[in-house]
């Protein structure tokens, strides 16, 4: 039995609505889901000189690619993601890339005052959120990160912080706490 044109349009609109909702609901918390280009991931980790001695936290880790790349460079890597579906997907990606021993993904709200990530061991923090999310995190990062910790942001800045490095072409900002 063939679907009518009307039924096909309704089904397509339902799928589109579900996809748009899934990719944008996190805007109200910190950012919409928009995968970072691989080039930007590599460049961010290069600028922070991520290696075996590093502990990397990726805030809003999405599909886990930053965490996986950091782990491949020998770092201990932790992703923090609020969306449970993306968190599950990124955990699967970590397994598929053979990085389960070096990379972990946590389901947490980075803005929670009671259940926030433990940054005590972090040497590098990466993020690709939106400007309002960076603004909300600024004081928390400054108070919880150790002196010398590198913070690398894609596209968005930390107002009032002086960047150690600015790559305007790739929109990458490196800060040292």
N, C-alpha and C. Protein backbone atom coordinates (compact mmCIF):
# COMPACT_ATOMS: atom_id res chain seq x y z
N UNK A 1 0.84 -1.18 0.00
CA UNK A 1 0.00 0.00 0.00
C UNK A 1 0.89 1.25 0.00
N UNK A 2 0.73 2.07 -0.97
CA UNK A 2 1.55 3.28 -1.12
C UNK A 2 1.00 4.39 -0.24
N UNK A 3 1.92 5.19 0.28
CA UNK A 3 1.52 6.34 1.08
C UNK A 3 1.06 7.47 0.17
N UNK A 4 0.08 8.19 0.62
CA UNK A 4 -0.37 9.34 -0.16
C UNK A 4 0.68 10.44 -0.05
N UNK A 5 0.63 11.38 -0.94
CA UNK A 5 1.56 12.51 -0.92
C UNK A 5 1.44 13.27 0.40
N UNK A 6 0.21 13.45 0.85
CA UNK A 6 -0.02 14.16 2.11
C UNK A 6 0.64 13.42 3.27
N UNK A 7 0.46 12.11 3.34
CA UNK A 7 1.07 11.31 4.41
C UNK A 7 2.59 11.40 4.36
N UNK A 8 3.15 11.35 3.17
CA UNK A 8 4.60 11.44 3.01
C UNK A 8 5.12 12.79 3.52
N UNK A 9 4.41 13.86 3.21
CA UNK A 9 4.81 15.19 3.65
C UNK A 9 4.73 15.29 5.17
N UNK A 10 3.67 14.75 5.77
CA UNK A 10 3.50 14.79 7.22
C UNK A 10 4.63 14.02 7.90
N UNK A 11 4.96 12.85 7.39
CA UNK A 11 6.05 12.04 7.97
C UNK A 11 7.38 12.79 7.84
N UNK A 12 7.64 13.37 6.68
CA UNK A 12 8.89 14.12 6.49
C UNK A 12 8.96 15.32 7.44
N UNK A 13 7.86 16.02 7.62
CA UNK A 13 7.83 17.16 8.53
C UNK A 13 8.05 16.72 9.98
N UNK A 14 7.50 15.58 10.35
CA UNK A 14 7.71 15.05 11.71
C UNK A 14 9.19 14.72 11.94
N UNK A 15 9.82 14.05 10.98
CA UNK A 15 11.25 13.74 11.10
C UNK A 15 12.07 15.02 11.18
N UNK A 16 11.73 16.00 10.36
CA UNK A 16 12.45 17.28 10.37
C UNK A 16 12.29 17.97 11.72
N UNK A 17 11.08 17.96 12.27
CA UNK A 17 10.84 18.59 13.56
C UNK A 17 11.63 17.91 14.67
N UNK A 18 11.68 16.59 14.65
CA UNK A 18 12.45 15.85 15.65
C UNK A 18 13.93 16.19 15.52
N UNK A 19 14.47 16.22 14.30
CA UNK A 19 15.88 16.53 14.09
C UNK A 19 16.21 17.94 14.56
N UNK A 20 15.39 18.91 14.18
CA UNK A 20 15.64 20.30 14.57
C UNK A 20 15.58 20.44 16.09
N UNK A 21 14.61 19.81 16.71
CA UNK A 21 14.50 19.86 18.18
C UNK A 21 15.73 19.24 18.83
N UNK A 22 16.16 18.09 18.33
CA UNK A 22 17.31 17.39 18.91
C UNK A 22 18.59 18.21 18.79
N UNK A 23 18.76 18.89 17.67
CA UNK A 23 20.01 19.64 17.47
C UNK A 23 20.00 21.01 18.12
N UNK A 24 18.82 21.53 18.47
CA UNK A 24 18.78 22.91 18.98
C UNK A 24 18.32 23.06 20.43
N UNK A 25 17.75 22.04 21.05
CA UNK A 25 17.22 22.23 22.41
C UNK A 25 18.30 22.64 23.39
N UNK A 26 19.52 22.22 23.16
CA UNK A 26 20.60 22.57 24.09
C UNK A 26 21.04 24.03 23.96
N UNK A 27 20.51 24.75 22.97
CA UNK A 27 20.83 26.18 22.85
C UNK A 27 20.45 26.90 24.14
N UNK A 28 19.34 26.52 24.71
CA UNK A 28 18.85 27.20 25.90
C UNK A 28 19.73 26.95 27.12
N UNK A 29 20.60 25.96 27.02
CA UNK A 29 21.53 25.66 28.10
C UNK A 29 22.92 26.20 27.77
N UNK A 30 23.38 26.00 26.53
CA UNK A 30 24.74 26.44 26.23
C UNK A 30 25.09 26.55 24.77
N UNK A 31 24.55 25.65 23.94
CA UNK A 31 24.92 25.69 22.54
C UNK A 31 24.07 24.72 21.74
N UNK A 32 23.86 25.03 20.49
CA UNK A 32 23.24 24.03 19.61
C UNK A 32 24.31 23.03 19.22
N UNK A 33 23.91 21.88 18.74
CA UNK A 33 24.89 20.88 18.33
C UNK A 33 25.32 21.20 16.91
N UNK A 34 26.58 21.44 16.75
CA UNK A 34 27.17 21.72 15.46
C UNK A 34 28.58 21.13 15.49
N UNK A 35 28.79 20.02 14.79
CA UNK A 35 30.11 19.38 14.86
C UNK A 35 31.23 20.32 14.40
N UNK A 36 32.30 20.32 15.16
CA UNK A 36 33.47 21.13 14.84
C UNK A 36 34.25 20.48 13.70
N UNK A 37 34.80 21.26 12.78
CA UNK A 37 35.63 20.67 11.72
C UNK A 37 36.85 19.95 12.32
N UNK A 38 37.23 18.83 11.71
CA UNK A 38 38.39 18.07 12.20
C UNK A 38 39.65 18.94 12.23
N UNK A 39 39.80 19.80 11.25
CA UNK A 39 40.95 20.71 11.19
C UNK A 39 41.01 21.57 12.45
N UNK A 40 39.85 22.08 12.88
CA UNK A 40 39.81 22.92 14.08
C UNK A 40 40.15 22.11 15.33
N UNK A 41 39.68 20.88 15.39
CA UNK A 41 39.99 20.02 16.54
C UNK A 41 41.49 19.82 16.65
N UNK A 42 42.11 19.44 15.54
CA UNK A 42 43.56 19.21 15.54
C UNK A 42 44.31 20.49 15.90
N UNK A 43 43.87 21.61 15.35
CA UNK A 43 44.55 22.88 15.59
C UNK A 43 44.43 23.29 17.06
N UNK A 44 43.25 23.13 17.64
CA UNK A 44 43.06 23.47 19.05
C UNK A 44 44.00 22.66 19.94
N UNK A 45 44.07 21.37 19.69
CA UNK A 45 44.92 20.50 20.51
C UNK A 45 46.40 20.77 20.24
N UNK A 46 46.73 21.14 19.00
CA UNK A 46 48.12 21.52 18.69
C UNK A 46 48.51 22.79 19.45
N UNK A 47 47.63 23.80 19.43
CA UNK A 47 47.94 25.06 20.12
C UNK A 47 48.13 24.84 21.62
N UNK A 48 47.34 23.92 22.19
CA UNK A 48 47.47 23.62 23.63
C UNK A 48 48.61 22.64 23.91
N UNK A 49 49.25 22.15 22.84
CA UNK A 49 50.35 21.19 22.95
C UNK A 49 49.96 19.96 23.77
N UNK A 50 48.79 19.40 23.44
CA UNK A 50 48.26 18.25 24.17
C UNK A 50 49.12 17.01 23.92
N UNK A 51 49.51 16.37 25.01
CA UNK A 51 50.34 15.16 24.94
C UNK A 51 50.06 14.23 26.11
N UNK A 52 50.97 13.30 26.33
CA UNK A 52 50.80 12.24 27.32
C UNK A 52 50.58 12.72 28.76
N UNK A 53 51.13 13.85 29.11
CA UNK A 53 51.02 14.33 30.50
C UNK A 53 49.75 15.13 30.76
N UNK A 54 48.94 15.33 29.73
CA UNK A 54 47.78 16.21 29.87
C UNK A 54 46.52 15.47 30.31
N UNK A 55 45.67 16.24 30.97
CA UNK A 55 44.32 15.82 31.33
C UNK A 55 43.40 16.85 30.66
N UNK A 56 42.67 16.38 29.66
CA UNK A 56 41.85 17.27 28.82
C UNK A 56 40.37 17.10 29.16
N UNK A 57 39.68 18.21 29.36
CA UNK A 57 38.23 18.21 29.52
C UNK A 57 37.63 18.94 28.34
N UNK A 58 36.68 18.29 27.67
CA UNK A 58 35.95 18.93 26.58
C UNK A 58 34.53 19.20 27.08
N UNK A 59 34.19 20.46 27.23
CA UNK A 59 32.88 20.85 27.76
C UNK A 59 31.88 20.98 26.63
N UNK A 60 30.80 20.22 26.72
CA UNK A 60 29.85 20.14 25.63
C UNK A 60 30.44 19.27 24.54
N UNK A 61 30.79 18.04 24.91
CA UNK A 61 31.63 17.18 24.05
C UNK A 61 30.92 16.60 22.84
N UNK A 62 29.61 16.78 22.73
CA UNK A 62 28.89 16.38 21.52
C UNK A 62 29.16 14.95 21.09
N UNK A 63 29.75 14.78 19.92
CA UNK A 63 29.99 13.45 19.36
C UNK A 63 31.29 12.82 19.84
N UNK A 64 32.04 13.51 20.69
CA UNK A 64 33.23 12.93 21.31
C UNK A 64 34.51 13.02 20.51
N UNK A 65 34.50 13.71 19.39
CA UNK A 65 35.70 13.73 18.54
C UNK A 65 36.89 14.42 19.17
N UNK A 66 36.67 15.48 19.95
CA UNK A 66 37.79 16.15 20.62
C UNK A 66 38.40 15.22 21.66
N UNK A 67 37.54 14.56 22.42
CA UNK A 67 38.00 13.63 23.45
C UNK A 67 38.80 12.48 22.82
N UNK A 68 38.31 11.95 21.74
CA UNK A 68 38.99 10.84 21.05
C UNK A 68 40.35 11.29 20.52
N UNK A 69 40.41 12.46 19.91
CA UNK A 69 41.67 12.97 19.36
C UNK A 69 42.68 13.23 20.48
N UNK A 70 42.22 13.79 21.59
CA UNK A 70 43.12 14.03 22.73
C UNK A 70 43.66 12.71 23.27
N UNK A 71 42.81 11.71 23.37
CA UNK A 71 43.23 10.39 23.86
C UNK A 71 44.24 9.75 22.90
N UNK A 72 44.03 9.93 21.61
CA UNK A 72 44.98 9.39 20.62
C UNK A 72 46.35 10.04 20.75
N UNK A 73 46.39 11.25 21.28
CA UNK A 73 47.66 11.94 21.51
C UNK A 73 48.29 11.54 22.84
N UNK A 74 47.64 10.63 23.56
CA UNK A 74 48.18 10.12 24.81
C UNK A 74 47.62 10.75 26.06
N UNK A 75 46.79 11.77 25.92
CA UNK A 75 46.22 12.45 27.09
C UNK A 75 45.11 11.62 27.72
N UNK A 76 44.87 11.86 28.99
CA UNK A 76 43.64 11.37 29.62
C UNK A 76 42.58 12.39 29.25
N UNK A 77 41.47 11.93 28.68
CA UNK A 77 40.49 12.86 28.13
C UNK A 77 39.10 12.58 28.69
N UNK A 78 38.41 13.66 29.04
CA UNK A 78 37.08 13.57 29.62
C UNK A 78 36.14 14.48 28.85
N UNK A 79 35.03 13.93 28.40
CA UNK A 79 34.00 14.72 27.76
C UNK A 79 32.84 14.91 28.71
N UNK A 80 32.26 16.10 28.70
CA UNK A 80 31.10 16.40 29.52
C UNK A 80 29.99 16.82 28.58
N UNK A 81 28.89 16.07 28.58
CA UNK A 81 27.80 16.31 27.64
C UNK A 81 26.46 16.24 28.38
N UNK A 82 25.57 17.18 28.09
CA UNK A 82 24.27 17.22 28.75
C UNK A 82 23.22 16.39 28.02
N UNK A 83 23.36 16.22 26.72
CA UNK A 83 22.38 15.48 25.94
C UNK A 83 22.63 13.98 26.10
N UNK A 84 21.68 13.24 26.66
CA UNK A 84 21.91 11.81 26.90
C UNK A 84 22.13 11.00 25.62
N UNK A 85 21.46 11.37 24.53
CA UNK A 85 21.66 10.63 23.28
C UNK A 85 23.06 10.86 22.71
N UNK A 86 23.52 12.10 22.73
CA UNK A 86 24.88 12.39 22.26
C UNK A 86 25.92 11.74 23.17
N UNK A 87 25.64 11.71 24.45
CA UNK A 87 26.56 11.09 25.39
C UNK A 87 26.70 9.60 25.07
N UNK A 88 25.59 8.93 24.83
CA UNK A 88 25.63 7.50 24.49
C UNK A 88 26.37 7.31 23.17
N UNK A 89 26.04 8.14 22.18
CA UNK A 89 26.71 8.04 20.88
C UNK A 89 28.22 8.24 21.02
N UNK A 90 28.63 9.26 21.80
CA UNK A 90 30.06 9.53 21.94
C UNK A 90 30.77 8.41 22.70
N UNK A 91 30.09 7.79 23.67
CA UNK A 91 30.69 6.64 24.36
C UNK A 91 30.93 5.49 23.36
N UNK A 92 29.99 5.29 22.46
CA UNK A 92 30.18 4.26 21.42
C UNK A 92 31.34 4.62 20.50
N UNK A 93 31.46 5.89 20.15
CA UNK A 93 32.56 6.32 19.29
C UNK A 93 33.91 6.11 19.98
N UNK A 94 33.97 6.37 21.27
CA UNK A 94 35.20 6.14 22.04
C UNK A 94 35.58 4.66 21.95
N UNK A 95 34.60 3.78 22.13
CA UNK A 95 34.86 2.33 22.04
C UNK A 95 35.32 1.94 20.64
N UNK A 96 34.63 2.44 19.61
CA UNK A 96 34.96 2.10 18.23
C UNK A 96 36.36 2.58 17.84
N UNK A 97 36.82 3.67 18.44
CA UNK A 97 38.16 4.19 18.15
C UNK A 97 39.23 3.58 19.07
N UNK A 98 38.83 2.64 19.91
CA UNK A 98 39.79 1.95 20.77
C UNK A 98 40.41 2.84 21.84
N UNK A 99 39.66 3.82 22.33
CA UNK A 99 40.21 4.77 23.30
C UNK A 99 39.55 4.68 24.67
N UNK A 100 38.87 3.57 24.95
CA UNK A 100 38.14 3.44 26.22
C UNK A 100 39.05 3.55 27.43
N UNK A 101 40.31 3.18 27.31
CA UNK A 101 41.22 3.27 28.44
C UNK A 101 41.70 4.69 28.73
N UNK A 102 41.62 5.58 27.74
CA UNK A 102 42.12 6.94 27.88
C UNK A 102 41.02 8.00 27.86
N UNK A 103 39.84 7.65 27.36
CA UNK A 103 38.78 8.63 27.18
C UNK A 103 37.50 8.21 27.90
N UNK A 104 36.90 9.16 28.57
CA UNK A 104 35.64 8.93 29.29
C UNK A 104 34.67 10.06 28.94
N UNK A 105 33.39 9.71 28.85
CA UNK A 105 32.35 10.69 28.60
C UNK A 105 31.39 10.66 29.78
N UNK A 106 31.09 11.84 30.31
CA UNK A 106 30.17 11.95 31.44
C UNK A 106 28.91 12.69 31.02
N UNK A 107 27.77 12.25 31.56
CA UNK A 107 26.50 12.92 31.32
C UNK A 107 26.29 13.89 32.47
N UNK A 108 26.60 15.17 32.22
CA UNK A 108 26.50 16.20 33.26
C UNK A 108 26.12 17.53 32.63
N UNK A 109 25.62 18.39 33.49
CA UNK A 109 25.33 19.76 33.11
C UNK A 109 26.50 20.61 33.59
N UNK A 110 27.25 21.19 32.69
CA UNK A 110 28.43 21.96 33.07
C UNK A 110 28.09 23.23 33.84
N UNK A 111 26.82 23.60 33.86
CA UNK A 111 26.40 24.81 34.58
C UNK A 111 25.83 24.50 35.96
N UNK A 112 25.72 23.22 36.29
CA UNK A 112 25.17 22.84 37.59
C UNK A 112 26.13 23.19 38.71
N UNK A 113 25.61 23.75 39.76
CA UNK A 113 26.45 24.11 40.92
C UNK A 113 26.66 22.90 41.82
N UNK A 114 25.78 21.90 41.73
CA UNK A 114 25.87 20.75 42.62
C UNK A 114 26.51 19.53 41.97
N UNK A 115 26.52 19.47 40.66
CA UNK A 115 27.03 18.28 39.97
C UNK A 115 27.99 18.67 38.85
N UNK A 116 28.80 19.68 39.08
CA UNK A 116 29.70 20.15 38.03
C UNK A 116 30.93 19.25 37.93
N UNK A 117 31.58 19.28 36.79
CA UNK A 117 32.78 18.45 36.60
C UNK A 117 33.90 18.84 37.58
N UNK A 118 34.72 17.87 37.91
CA UNK A 118 35.85 18.10 38.81
C UNK A 118 37.06 18.47 37.95
N UNK A 119 37.42 19.75 37.96
CA UNK A 119 38.49 20.24 37.11
C UNK A 119 39.85 20.23 37.77
N UNK A 120 39.98 19.67 38.97
CA UNK A 120 41.23 19.77 39.74
C UNK A 120 42.46 19.28 38.97
N UNK A 121 42.29 18.23 38.17
CA UNK A 121 43.43 17.65 37.46
C UNK A 121 43.58 18.17 36.03
N UNK A 122 42.65 18.99 35.58
CA UNK A 122 42.68 19.46 34.19
C UNK A 122 43.92 20.29 33.89
N UNK A 123 44.54 19.99 32.76
CA UNK A 123 45.63 20.83 32.26
C UNK A 123 45.18 21.59 31.02
N UNK A 124 44.14 21.06 30.36
CA UNK A 124 43.57 21.70 29.16
C UNK A 124 42.06 21.55 29.21
N UNK A 125 41.35 22.63 28.88
CA UNK A 125 39.90 22.60 28.74
C UNK A 125 39.58 23.11 27.35
N UNK A 126 38.79 22.34 26.60
CA UNK A 126 38.37 22.77 25.27
C UNK A 126 36.86 22.97 25.28
N UNK A 127 36.40 23.88 24.43
CA UNK A 127 34.96 24.08 24.32
C UNK A 127 34.59 24.75 23.02
N UNK A 128 33.40 24.39 22.55
CA UNK A 128 32.77 25.02 21.41
C UNK A 128 31.31 25.20 21.81
N UNK A 129 31.08 26.23 22.58
CA UNK A 129 29.74 26.56 23.04
C UNK A 129 29.34 27.86 22.36
N UNK A 130 28.43 28.60 22.93
CA UNK A 130 28.06 29.90 22.38
C UNK A 130 28.54 30.98 23.34
N UNK A 131 28.50 32.23 22.90
CA UNK A 131 29.03 33.31 23.71
C UNK A 131 28.37 33.39 25.08
N UNK A 132 27.05 33.22 25.13
CA UNK A 132 26.38 33.31 26.44
C UNK A 132 26.81 32.17 27.37
N UNK A 133 27.16 31.03 26.80
CA UNK A 133 27.64 29.91 27.63
C UNK A 133 29.04 30.19 28.15
N UNK A 134 29.91 30.72 27.30
CA UNK A 134 31.25 31.11 27.76
C UNK A 134 31.15 32.14 28.88
N UNK A 135 30.23 33.10 28.71
CA UNK A 135 30.04 34.12 29.73
C UNK A 135 29.62 33.49 31.06
N UNK A 136 28.72 32.51 31.00
CA UNK A 136 28.24 31.86 32.23
C UNK A 136 29.33 31.00 32.88
N UNK A 137 30.24 30.46 32.09
CA UNK A 137 31.29 29.57 32.62
C UNK A 137 32.54 30.30 33.09
N UNK A 138 32.71 31.52 32.67
CA UNK A 138 33.95 32.26 32.89
C UNK A 138 34.39 32.26 34.36
N UNK A 139 33.53 32.63 35.28
CA UNK A 139 33.91 32.69 36.69
C UNK A 139 34.21 31.30 37.26
N UNK A 140 33.40 30.31 36.85
CA UNK A 140 33.61 28.94 37.32
C UNK A 140 34.98 28.43 36.88
N UNK A 141 35.31 28.64 35.62
CA UNK A 141 36.61 28.17 35.13
C UNK A 141 37.75 28.88 35.84
N UNK A 142 37.64 30.16 35.99
CA UNK A 142 38.72 30.92 36.64
C UNK A 142 38.92 30.46 38.09
N UNK A 143 37.84 30.14 38.78
CA UNK A 143 37.97 29.76 40.19
C UNK A 143 38.33 28.29 40.39
N UNK A 144 37.98 27.42 39.44
CA UNK A 144 38.20 25.98 39.64
C UNK A 144 39.43 25.42 38.94
N UNK A 145 39.94 26.13 37.94
CA UNK A 145 41.11 25.63 37.22
C UNK A 145 42.40 26.07 37.92
N UNK A 146 43.39 25.20 37.86
CA UNK A 146 44.69 25.54 38.44
C UNK A 146 45.40 26.55 37.56
N UNK A 147 46.29 27.29 38.18
CA UNK A 147 47.10 28.25 37.43
C UNK A 147 47.90 27.48 36.38
N UNK A 148 47.93 28.02 35.18
CA UNK A 148 48.65 27.38 34.08
C UNK A 148 47.79 26.51 33.19
N UNK A 149 46.56 26.24 33.60
CA UNK A 149 45.65 25.43 32.77
C UNK A 149 45.33 26.20 31.49
N UNK A 150 45.35 25.50 30.38
CA UNK A 150 45.04 26.11 29.09
C UNK A 150 43.56 25.92 28.78
N UNK A 151 42.92 26.97 28.30
CA UNK A 151 41.52 26.93 27.88
C UNK A 151 41.50 27.29 26.40
N UNK A 152 40.94 26.41 25.58
CA UNK A 152 40.90 26.65 24.14
C UNK A 152 39.44 26.69 23.70
N UNK A 153 39.04 27.82 23.13
CA UNK A 153 37.66 28.00 22.69
C UNK A 153 37.61 28.16 21.18
N UNK A 154 36.63 27.50 20.58
CA UNK A 154 36.41 27.61 19.14
C UNK A 154 35.30 28.63 18.91
N UNK A 155 35.57 29.63 18.13
CA UNK A 155 34.70 30.73 17.68
C UNK A 155 34.45 31.78 18.76
N UNK A 156 34.03 31.38 19.96
CA UNK A 156 33.60 32.33 20.98
C UNK A 156 34.72 32.64 21.97
N UNK A 157 34.70 33.86 22.50
CA UNK A 157 35.77 34.35 23.38
C UNK A 157 35.34 34.35 24.84
N UNK A 158 36.32 34.62 25.69
CA UNK A 158 36.06 34.89 27.10
C UNK A 158 36.33 36.38 27.30
N UNK A 159 35.26 37.12 27.48
CA UNK A 159 35.37 38.58 27.62
C UNK A 159 36.19 38.92 28.85
N UNK A 160 37.14 39.82 28.67
CA UNK A 160 37.97 40.25 29.79
C UNK A 160 39.21 39.38 30.01
N UNK A 161 39.29 38.24 29.36
CA UNK A 161 40.48 37.40 29.46
C UNK A 161 41.40 37.78 28.30
N UNK A 162 42.68 37.80 28.56
CA UNK A 162 43.64 38.10 27.51
C UNK A 162 44.11 36.78 26.88
N UNK A 163 43.84 36.58 25.59
CA UNK A 163 44.27 35.33 24.96
C UNK A 163 45.80 35.24 24.85
N UNK A 164 46.29 34.02 25.01
CA UNK A 164 47.71 33.73 24.81
C UNK A 164 48.00 33.64 23.32
N UNK A 165 46.99 33.17 22.57
CA UNK A 165 47.12 33.01 21.13
C UNK A 165 45.75 33.22 20.49
N UNK A 166 45.73 33.90 19.36
CA UNK A 166 44.50 34.10 18.60
C UNK A 166 44.76 33.67 17.17
N UNK A 167 43.97 32.73 16.69
CA UNK A 167 44.01 32.31 15.29
C UNK A 167 42.70 32.79 14.66
N UNK A 168 42.74 33.99 14.08
CA UNK A 168 41.52 34.58 13.52
C UNK A 168 41.00 33.79 12.33
N UNK A 169 41.90 33.24 11.54
CA UNK A 169 41.48 32.47 10.36
C UNK A 169 40.63 31.27 10.76
N UNK A 170 41.07 30.54 11.77
CA UNK A 170 40.36 29.34 12.22
C UNK A 170 39.44 29.60 13.40
N UNK A 171 39.41 30.84 13.89
CA UNK A 171 38.54 31.26 15.00
C UNK A 171 38.82 30.45 16.27
N UNK A 172 40.10 30.33 16.62
CA UNK A 172 40.51 29.59 17.81
C UNK A 172 41.19 30.57 18.77
N UNK A 173 40.80 30.48 20.05
CA UNK A 173 41.31 31.36 21.08
C UNK A 173 41.90 30.51 22.20
N UNK A 174 43.18 30.70 22.47
CA UNK A 174 43.87 29.98 23.54
C UNK A 174 44.11 30.94 24.69
N UNK A 175 43.73 30.51 25.89
CA UNK A 175 43.93 31.29 27.11
C UNK A 175 44.73 30.45 28.09
N UNK A 176 45.49 31.07 28.95
CA UNK A 176 46.16 30.39 30.03
C UNK A 176 45.70 31.02 31.34
N UNK A 177 45.15 30.19 32.20
CA UNK A 177 44.61 30.67 33.49
C UNK A 177 45.76 31.10 34.38
